[in-house]
């Protein structure tokens, strides 16, 4: 399996570079997050050995457990829905929390980060396609939420995140990625204190190349690196 993970990472990175060329971007602007949810530590170690340093988890418990078992220079991304009562377990472990979609959640992160004497770095999740099954703030409400979050201590908004619809043809998501990019530019131009719109987390295994063409700075690739099926822990 190690050889396959290595090949998958090599191919994904090559695809990102090619998408940057098409968009006239510097590939250094795009960071690959290996989405490692449900995957055993041994597989994450393989990806680490291939150069991956950014890993994304959906569940608090899984992130916390893997945090303790893998090298300390890994940057952990909390990309799943985060419940307020779980914030305290990962606020000092997550390099970036992607899934903040309410003021109450942001307030909890601010409180717990303050207790630990750190600054938590977060993204505001936008439900860019207005899907009822997805979390995230409506595009029209994003700026207002960000202005409220900006007032909180021990917290910094670094940008936006979105989960586009599952589609067979990635071109169908291009408009959503374009919309999120323009939203980030609009908010950046407002020069809100404590708000940095340099991060755009969008694009997954099926559509990350299109996302890169439309301005993504983080792409979240799981299946494309680790494969489809769940592997039992070694």
C-alpha atoms as a PDB file:
ATOM      1  CA  UNK A   1       0.000   0.000   0.000  1.00  0.00           C
ATOM      2  CA  UNK A   2       2.902   2.338   0.721  1.00  0.00           C
ATOM      3  CA  UNK A   3       3.843   2.475  -2.930  1.00  0.00           C
ATOM      4  CA  UNK A   4       0.273   3.292  -3.902  1.00  0.00           C
ATOM      5  CA  UNK A   5      -0.011   6.128  -1.398  1.00  0.00           C
ATOM      6  CA  UNK A   6       3.283   7.552  -2.642  1.00  0.00           C
ATOM      7  CA  UNK A   7       2.098   7.360  -6.246  1.00  0.00           C
ATOM      8  CA  UNK A   8      -1.268   8.909  -5.361  1.00  0.00           C
ATOM      9  CA  UNK A   9       0.411  11.838  -3.604  1.00  0.00           C
ATOM     10  CA  UNK A  10       2.826  12.331  -6.501  1.00  0.00           C
ATOM     11  CA  UNK A  11      -0.062  12.356  -8.987  1.00  0.00           C
ATOM     12  CA  UNK A  12      -2.191  14.703  -6.883  1.00  0.00           C
ATOM     13  CA  UNK A  13       0.663  17.163  -6.493  1.00  0.00           C
ATOM     14  CA  UNK A  14       1.328  17.002 -10.230  1.00  0.00           C
ATOM     15  CA  UNK A  15      -2.356  17.711 -10.931  1.00  0.00           C
ATOM     16  CA  UNK A  16      -2.243  20.716  -8.602  1.00  0.00           C
ATOM     17  CA  UNK A  17       0.829  22.078 -10.375  1.00  0.00           C
ATOM     18  CA  UNK A  18      -0.828  21.657 -13.772  1.00  0.00           C
ATOM     19  CA  UNK A  19      -4.007  23.380 -12.563  1.00  0.00           C
ATOM     20  CA  UNK A  20      -1.863  26.281 -11.318  1.00  0.00           C
ATOM     21  CA  UNK A  21      -0.190  26.550 -14.704  1.00  0.00           C
ATOM     22  CA  UNK A  22      -3.600  26.724 -16.399  1.00  0.00           C
ATOM     23  CA  UNK A  23      -4.704  29.453 -13.986  1.00  0.00           C
ATOM     24  CA  UNK A  24      -1.431  31.379 -14.102  1.00  0.00           C
ATOM     25  CA  UNK A  25      -0.819  30.753 -10.408  1.00  0.00           C
ATOM     26  CA  UNK A  26       2.251  29.822  -8.388  1.00  0.00           C
ATOM     27  CA  UNK A  27       1.831  26.254  -7.109  1.00  0.00           C
ATOM     28  CA  UNK A  28       3.431  27.354  -3.833  1.00  0.00           C
ATOM     29  CA  UNK A  29       0.131  29.114  -3.093  1.00  0.00           C
ATOM     30  CA  UNK A  30      -1.710  25.785  -2.825  1.00  0.00           C
ATOM     31  CA  UNK A  31      -1.372  23.368   0.090  1.00  0.00           C
ATOM     32  CA  UNK A  32      -2.535  19.766  -0.072  1.00  0.00           C
ATOM     33  CA  UNK A  33      -4.388  18.495   2.999  1.00  0.00           C
ATOM     34  CA  UNK A  34      -4.419  14.690   3.227  1.00  0.00           C
ATOM     35  CA  UNK A  35      -7.888  13.908   4.588  1.00  0.00           C
ATOM     36  CA  UNK A  36      -7.189  11.009   6.887  1.00  0.00           C
ATOM     37  CA  UNK A  37     -10.550  10.428   8.606  1.00  0.00           C
ATOM     38  CA  UNK A  38     -11.125   6.734   9.486  1.00  0.00           C
ATOM     39  CA  UNK A  39      -7.627   5.884   8.249  1.00  0.00           C
ATOM     40  CA  UNK A  40      -5.222   4.100  10.614  1.00  0.00           C
ATOM     41  CA  UNK A  41      -2.081   5.754  11.925  1.00  0.00           C
ATOM     42  CA  UNK A  42       0.105   3.469   9.798  1.00  0.00           C
ATOM     43  CA  UNK A  43      -1.369   4.941   6.604  1.00  0.00           C
ATOM     44  CA  UNK A  44      -0.905   8.483   7.863  1.00  0.00           C
ATOM     45  CA  UNK A  45       2.707   7.660   8.651  1.00  0.00           C
ATOM     46  CA  UNK A  46       3.167   6.458   5.057  1.00  0.00           C
ATOM     47  CA  UNK A  47       1.807   9.760   3.759  1.00  0.00           C
ATOM     48  CA  UNK A  48       4.010  11.648   6.218  1.00  0.00           C
ATOM     49  CA  UNK A  49       7.033   9.741   4.973  1.00  0.00           C
ATOM     50  CA  UNK A  50       6.099  10.889   1.455  1.00  0.00           C
ATOM     51  CA  UNK A  51       6.242  14.510   2.566  1.00  0.00           C
ATOM     52  CA  UNK A  52       2.677  15.266   3.696  1.00  0.00           C
ATOM     53  CA  UNK A  53       2.568  17.598   6.695  1.00  0.00           C
ATOM     54  CA  UNK A  54      -1.060  18.749   6.574  1.00  0.00           C
ATOM     55  CA  UNK A  55      -3.724  16.241   7.630  1.00  0.00           C
ATOM     56  CA  UNK A  56      -7.474  16.753   7.899  1.00  0.00           C
ATOM     57  CA  UNK A  57      -9.806  15.028  10.339  1.00  0.00           C
ATOM     58  CA  UNK A  58     -13.596  15.109  10.696  1.00  0.00           C
ATOM     59  CA  UNK A  59     -13.962  13.960  14.271  1.00  0.00           C
ATOM     60  CA  UNK A  60     -12.512  15.519  17.408  1.00  0.00           C
ATOM     61  CA  UNK A  61     -11.684  12.233  19.119  1.00  0.00           C
ATOM     62  CA  UNK A  62      -9.876  10.895  16.065  1.00  0.00           C
ATOM     63  CA  UNK A  63      -7.821  14.066  15.664  1.00  0.00           C
ATOM     64  CA  UNK A  64      -6.858  14.070  19.345  1.00  0.00           C
ATOM     65  CA  UNK A  65      -5.826  10.407  19.308  1.00  0.00           C
ATOM     66  CA  UNK A  66      -3.739  10.706  16.140  1.00  0.00           C
ATOM     67  CA  UNK A  67      -2.188  13.933  17.388  1.00  0.00           C
ATOM     68  CA  UNK A  68      -0.628  11.977  20.224  1.00  0.00           C
ATOM     69  CA  UNK A  69       0.690   9.178  17.998  1.00  0.00           C
ATOM     70  CA  UNK A  70       2.268  10.983  15.064  1.00  0.00           C
ATOM     71  CA  UNK A  71       5.156  13.446  14.573  1.00  0.00           C
ATOM     72  CA  UNK A  72       4.744  16.840  16.195  1.00  0.00           C
ATOM     73  CA  UNK A  73       5.453  18.858  13.061  1.00  0.00           C
ATOM     74  CA  UNK A  74       2.150  17.750  11.505  1.00  0.00           C
ATOM     75  CA  UNK A  75      -0.373  20.544  11.015  1.00  0.00           C
ATOM     76  CA  UNK A  76      -3.818  19.195  11.905  1.00  0.00           C
ATOM     77  CA  UNK A  77      -6.923  20.586  10.235  1.00  0.00           C
ATOM     78  CA  UNK A  78     -10.352  20.142  11.818  1.00  0.00           C
ATOM     79  CA  UNK A  79     -12.576  19.985   8.755  1.00  0.00           C
ATOM     80  CA  UNK A  80     -15.692  18.277  10.136  1.00  0.00           C
ATOM     81  CA  UNK A  81     -18.627  19.822  11.963  1.00  0.00           C
ATOM     82  CA  UNK A  82     -17.485  20.897  15.420  1.00  0.00           C
ATOM     83  CA  UNK A  83     -19.765  20.768  18.437  1.00  0.00           C
ATOM     84  CA  UNK A  84     -19.232  23.424  21.093  1.00  0.00           C
ATOM     85  CA  UNK A  85     -18.770  20.878  23.892  1.00  0.00           C
ATOM     86  CA  UNK A  86     -15.847  19.296  21.987  1.00  0.00           C
ATOM     87  CA  UNK A  87     -13.882  22.485  21.325  1.00  0.00           C
ATOM     88  CA  UNK A  88     -11.749  22.187  24.467  1.00  0.00           C
ATOM     89  CA  UNK A  89     -10.290  18.875  23.295  1.00  0.00           C
ATOM     90  CA  UNK A  90      -8.749  20.182  20.086  1.00  0.00           C
ATOM     91  CA  UNK A  91      -8.402  23.962  20.316  1.00  0.00           C
ATOM     92  CA  UNK A  92      -4.691  23.628  21.130  1.00  0.00           C
ATOM     93  CA  UNK A  93      -4.119  20.756  18.700  1.00  0.00           C
ATOM     94  CA  UNK A  94      -5.715  22.039  15.487  1.00  0.00           C
ATOM     95  CA  UNK A  95      -3.514  24.214  13.314  1.00  0.00           C
ATOM     96  CA  UNK A  96      -6.688  25.448  11.615  1.00  0.00           C
ATOM     97  CA  UNK A  97     -10.399  24.903  12.308  1.00  0.00           C
ATOM     98  CA  UNK A  98     -12.208  25.012   8.968  1.00  0.00           C
ATOM     99  CA  UNK A  99     -15.807  24.543  10.046  1.00  0.00           C
ATOM    100  CA  UNK A 100     -16.926  27.595  12.038  1.00  0.00           C
ATOM    101  CA  UNK A 101     -20.454  28.500  10.994  1.00  0.00           C
ATOM    102  CA  UNK A 102     -21.971  30.289  13.996  1.00  0.00           C
ATOM    103  CA  UNK A 103     -21.121  33.025  16.463  1.00  0.00           C
ATOM    104  CA  UNK A 104     -21.808  30.658  19.378  1.00  0.00           C
ATOM    105  CA  UNK A 105     -19.184  28.214  18.129  1.00  0.00           C
ATOM    106  CA  UNK A 106     -16.693  31.022  17.570  1.00  0.00           C
ATOM    107  CA  UNK A 107     -17.353  32.305  21.092  1.00  0.00           C
ATOM    108  CA  UNK A 108     -16.617  28.857  22.526  1.00  0.00           C
ATOM    109  CA  UNK A 109     -13.374  28.585  20.547  1.00  0.00           C
ATOM    110  CA  UNK A 110     -12.404  32.077  21.731  1.00  0.00           C
ATOM    111  CA  UNK A 111     -13.117  31.146  25.354  1.00  0.00           C
ATOM    112  CA  UNK A 112     -11.165  27.873  25.265  1.00  0.00           C
ATOM    113  CA  UNK A 113      -8.243  29.408  23.362  1.00  0.00           C
ATOM    114  CA  UNK A 114      -8.105  32.199  25.948  1.00  0.00           C
ATOM    115  CA  UNK A 115      -7.930  29.643  28.759  1.00  0.00           C
ATOM    116  CA  UNK A 116      -4.885  28.059  27.109  1.00  0.00           C
ATOM    117  CA  UNK A 117      -3.245  31.365  26.282  1.00  0.00           C
ATOM    118  CA  UNK A 118      -3.229  30.770  22.531  1.00  0.00           C
ATOM    119  CA  UNK A 119      -4.742  32.275  19.402  1.00  0.00           C
ATOM    120  CA  UNK A 120      -7.023  29.903  17.516  1.00  0.00           C
ATOM    121  CA  UNK A 121      -6.972  30.163  13.732  1.00  0.00           C
ATOM    122  CA  UNK A 122     -10.291  29.517  12.035  1.00  0.00           C
ATOM    123  CA  UNK A 123     -12.127  29.583   8.727  1.00  0.00           C
ATOM    124  CA  UNK A 124     -15.770  30.498   8.328  1.00  0.00           C
ATOM    125  CA  UNK A 125     -17.681  27.726   6.571  1.00  0.00           C
ATOM    126  CA  UNK A 126     -20.030  28.928   3.838  1.00  0.00           C
ATOM    127  CA  UNK A 127     -22.843  26.769   2.451  1.00  0.00           C
ATOM    128  CA  UNK A 128     -22.079  28.061  -1.013  1.00  0.00           C
ATOM    129  CA  UNK A 129     -24.542  25.793  -2.851  1.00  0.00           C
ATOM    130  CA  UNK A 130     -27.355  26.210  -0.292  1.00  0.00           C
ATOM    131  CA  UNK A 131     -27.594  22.481   0.332  1.00  0.00           C
ATOM    132  CA  UNK A 132     -29.974  21.566   3.140  1.00  0.00           C
ATOM    133  CA  UNK A 133     -27.780  18.613   4.155  1.00  0.00           C
ATOM    134  CA  UNK A 134     -24.665  20.752   4.604  1.00  0.00           C
ATOM    135  CA  UNK A 135     -23.475  22.936   7.437  1.00  0.00           C
ATOM    136  CA  UNK A 136     -22.276  26.455   6.809  1.00  0.00           C
ATOM    137  CA  UNK A 137     -23.509  30.025   6.832  1.00  0.00           C
ATOM    138  CA  UNK A 138     -25.410  31.447   3.867  1.00  0.00           C
ATOM    139  CA  UNK A 139     -23.226  33.491   1.534  1.00  0.00           C
ATOM    140  CA  UNK A 140     -25.301  36.618   2.210  1.00  0.00           C
ATOM    141  CA  UNK A 141     -24.791  36.282   5.972  1.00  0.00           C
ATOM    142  CA  UNK A 142     -21.067  35.574   5.926  1.00  0.00           C
ATOM    143  CA  UNK A 143     -19.807  39.141   6.214  1.00  0.00           C
ATOM    144  CA  UNK A 144     -22.065  39.952   9.145  1.00  0.00           C
ATOM    145  CA  UNK A 145     -20.949  36.808  10.996  1.00  0.00           C
ATOM    146  CA  UNK A 146     -17.293  37.594  10.297  1.00  0.00           C
ATOM    147  CA  UNK A 147     -17.712  41.130  11.658  1.00  0.00           C
ATOM    148  CA  UNK A 148     -19.094  39.683  14.904  1.00  0.00           C
ATOM    149  CA  UNK A 149     -16.366  37.046  15.181  1.00  0.00           C
ATOM    150  CA  UNK A 150     -13.719  39.719  14.568  1.00  0.00           C
ATOM    151  CA  UNK A 151     -14.563  41.266  17.944  1.00  0.00           C
ATOM    152  CA  UNK A 152     -13.630  38.110  19.868  1.00  0.00           C
ATOM    153  CA  UNK A 153     -10.264  37.714  21.604  1.00  0.00           C
ATOM    154  CA  UNK A 154      -7.850  34.785  21.157  1.00  0.00           C
ATOM    155  CA  UNK A 155      -9.204  34.128  17.681  1.00  0.00           C
ATOM    156  CA  UNK A 156      -8.271  34.995  14.117  1.00  0.00           C
ATOM    157  CA  UNK A 157     -10.296  34.423  10.968  1.00  0.00           C
ATOM    158  CA  UNK A 158      -7.925  33.365   8.200  1.00  0.00           C
ATOM    159  CA  UNK A 159     -10.443  32.922   5.379  1.00  0.00           C
ATOM    160  CA  UNK A 160     -13.336  30.843   4.110  1.00  0.00           C
ATOM    161  CA  UNK A 161     -14.147  27.173   3.599  1.00  0.00           C
ATOM    162  CA  UNK A 162     -16.840  25.423   1.572  1.00  0.00           C
ATOM    163  CA  UNK A 163     -17.859  21.889   0.726  1.00  0.00           C
ATOM    164  CA  UNK A 164     -19.197  21.853  -2.816  1.00  0.00           C
ATOM    165  CA  UNK A 165     -21.883  19.365  -3.915  1.00  0.00           C
ATOM    166  CA  UNK A 166     -20.883  15.837  -4.907  1.00  0.00           C
ATOM    167  CA  UNK A 167     -20.906  15.804  -8.701  1.00  0.00           C
ATOM    168  CA  UNK A 168     -19.725  13.463 -11.430  1.00  0.00           C
ATOM    169  CA  UNK A 169     -18.542  16.379 -13.544  1.00  0.00           C
ATOM    170  CA  UNK A 170     -16.318  18.782 -11.558  1.00  0.00           C
ATOM    171  CA  UNK A 171     -17.110  21.598 -13.983  1.00  0.00           C
ATOM    172  CA  UNK A 172     -20.545  21.791 -12.342  1.00  0.00           C
ATOM    173  CA  UNK A 173     -18.852  23.093  -9.184  1.00  0.00           C
ATOM    174  CA  UNK A 174     -16.793  25.770 -10.897  1.00  0.00           C
ATOM    175  CA  UNK A 175     -19.437  28.442 -10.273  1.00  0.00           C
ATOM    176  CA  UNK A 176     -19.507  27.669  -6.547  1.00  0.00           C
ATOM    177  CA  UNK A 177     -15.728  27.933  -6.265  1.00  0.00           C
ATOM    178  CA  UNK A 178     -15.815  31.185  -8.220  1.00  0.00           C
ATOM    179  CA  UNK A 179     -18.554  32.510  -5.906  1.00  0.00           C
ATOM    180  CA  UNK A 180     -16.540  31.675  -2.785  1.00  0.00           C
ATOM    181  CA  UNK A 181     -13.444  33.334  -4.230  1.00  0.00           C
ATOM    182  CA  UNK A 182     -15.362  36.524  -5.013  1.00  0.00           C
ATOM    183  CA  UNK A 183     -16.914  36.506  -1.547  1.00  0.00           C
ATOM    184  CA  UNK A 184     -13.446  36.309   0.019  1.00  0.00           C
ATOM    185  CA  UNK A 185     -12.222  39.191  -2.163  1.00  0.00           C
ATOM    186  CA  UNK A 186     -15.261  41.308  -1.227  1.00  0.00           C
ATOM    187  CA  UNK A 187     -14.705  40.724   2.494  1.00  0.00           C
ATOM    188  CA  UNK A 188     -10.967  41.329   2.214  1.00  0.00           C
ATOM    189  CA  UNK A 189     -11.621  44.712   0.612  1.00  0.00           C
ATOM    190  CA  UNK A 190     -13.625  45.783   3.691  1.00  0.00           C
ATOM    191  CA  UNK A 191     -10.382  45.695   5.752  1.00  0.00           C
ATOM    192  CA  UNK A 192     -12.080  44.368   8.877  1.00  0.00           C
ATOM    193  CA  UNK A 193      -9.751  44.312  11.889  1.00  0.00           C
ATOM    194  CA  UNK A 194      -8.530  40.835  12.923  1.00  0.00           C
ATOM    195  CA  UNK A 195      -9.721  39.326   9.640  1.00  0.00           C
ATOM    196  CA  UNK A 196      -7.321  37.852   7.127  1.00  0.00           C
ATOM    197  CA  UNK A 197      -8.860  36.502   3.931  1.00  0.00           C
ATOM    198  CA  UNK A 198      -5.735  34.780   2.631  1.00  0.00           C
ATOM    199  CA  UNK A 199      -7.076  31.216   2.975  1.00  0.00           C
ATOM    200  CA  UNK A 200      -9.629  29.590   0.694  1.00  0.00           C
ATOM    201  CA  UNK A 201     -10.288  25.960   1.595  1.00  0.00           C
ATOM    202  CA  UNK A 202     -12.260  24.353  -1.219  1.00  0.00           C
ATOM    203  CA  UNK A 203     -12.028  21.351  -3.498  1.00  0.00           C
ATOM    204  CA  UNK A 204     -11.884  17.650  -2.714  1.00  0.00           C
ATOM    205  CA  UNK A 205     -10.818  14.487  -4.552  1.00  0.00           C
ATOM    206  CA  UNK A 206     -13.364  14.850  -7.345  1.00  0.00           C
ATOM    207  CA  UNK A 207     -13.003  18.547  -8.079  1.00  0.00           C
ATOM    208  CA  UNK A 208      -9.818  19.964  -6.539  1.00  0.00           C
ATOM    209  CA  UNK A 209      -8.265  20.824  -9.905  1.00  0.00           C
ATOM    210  CA  UNK A 210     -11.178  23.102 -10.763  1.00  0.00           C
ATOM    211  CA  UNK A 211     -11.011  24.567  -7.245  1.00  0.00           C
ATOM    212  CA  UNK A 212      -7.324  25.386  -7.734  1.00  0.00           C
ATOM    213  CA  UNK A 213      -8.110  27.068 -11.039  1.00  0.00           C
ATOM    214  CA  UNK A 214     -10.643  29.235  -9.173  1.00  0.00           C
ATOM    215  CA  UNK A 215      -8.336  30.280  -6.339  1.00  0.00           C
ATOM    216  CA  UNK A 216      -8.211  27.536  -3.691  1.00  0.00           C
ATOM    217  CA  UNK A 217      -5.251  27.763  -1.311  1.00  0.00           C
ATOM    218  CA  UNK A 218      -6.071  24.514   0.528  1.00  0.00           C
ATOM    219  CA  UNK A 219      -7.470  21.426  -1.176  1.00  0.00           C
ATOM    220  CA  UNK A 220      -8.749  18.510   0.906  1.00  0.00           C
ATOM    221  CA  UNK A 221      -7.975  15.163  -0.708  1.00  0.00           C
ATOM    222  CA  UNK A 222      -8.779  11.867   1.005  1.00  0.00           C
ATOM    223  CA  UNK A 223      -9.873   9.181  -1.434  1.00  0.00           C
ATOM    224  CA  UNK A 224      -7.384  10.439  -4.014  1.00  0.00           C
ATOM    225  CA  UNK A 225      -4.547   9.694  -1.582  1.00  0.00           C
ATOM    226  CA  UNK A 226      -5.682   6.848   0.655  1.00  0.00           C
ATOM    227  CA  UNK A 227      -8.120   5.027  -1.647  1.00  0.00           C
ATOM    228  CA  UNK A 228     -11.808   4.214  -1.360  1.00  0.00           C
ATOM    229  CA  UNK A 229     -12.133   1.474   1.162  1.00  0.00           C
ATOM    230  CA  UNK A 230     -11.565   1.608   4.884  1.00  0.00           C
ATOM    231  CA  UNK A 231      -8.371  -0.176   5.870  1.00  0.00           C
ATOM    232  CA  UNK A 232      -8.295  -1.791   9.285  1.00  0.00           C
ATOM    233  CA  UNK A 233      -5.628  -0.419  11.561  1.00  0.00           C
ATOM    234  CA  UNK A 234      -2.351  -2.284  11.336  1.00  0.00           C
END
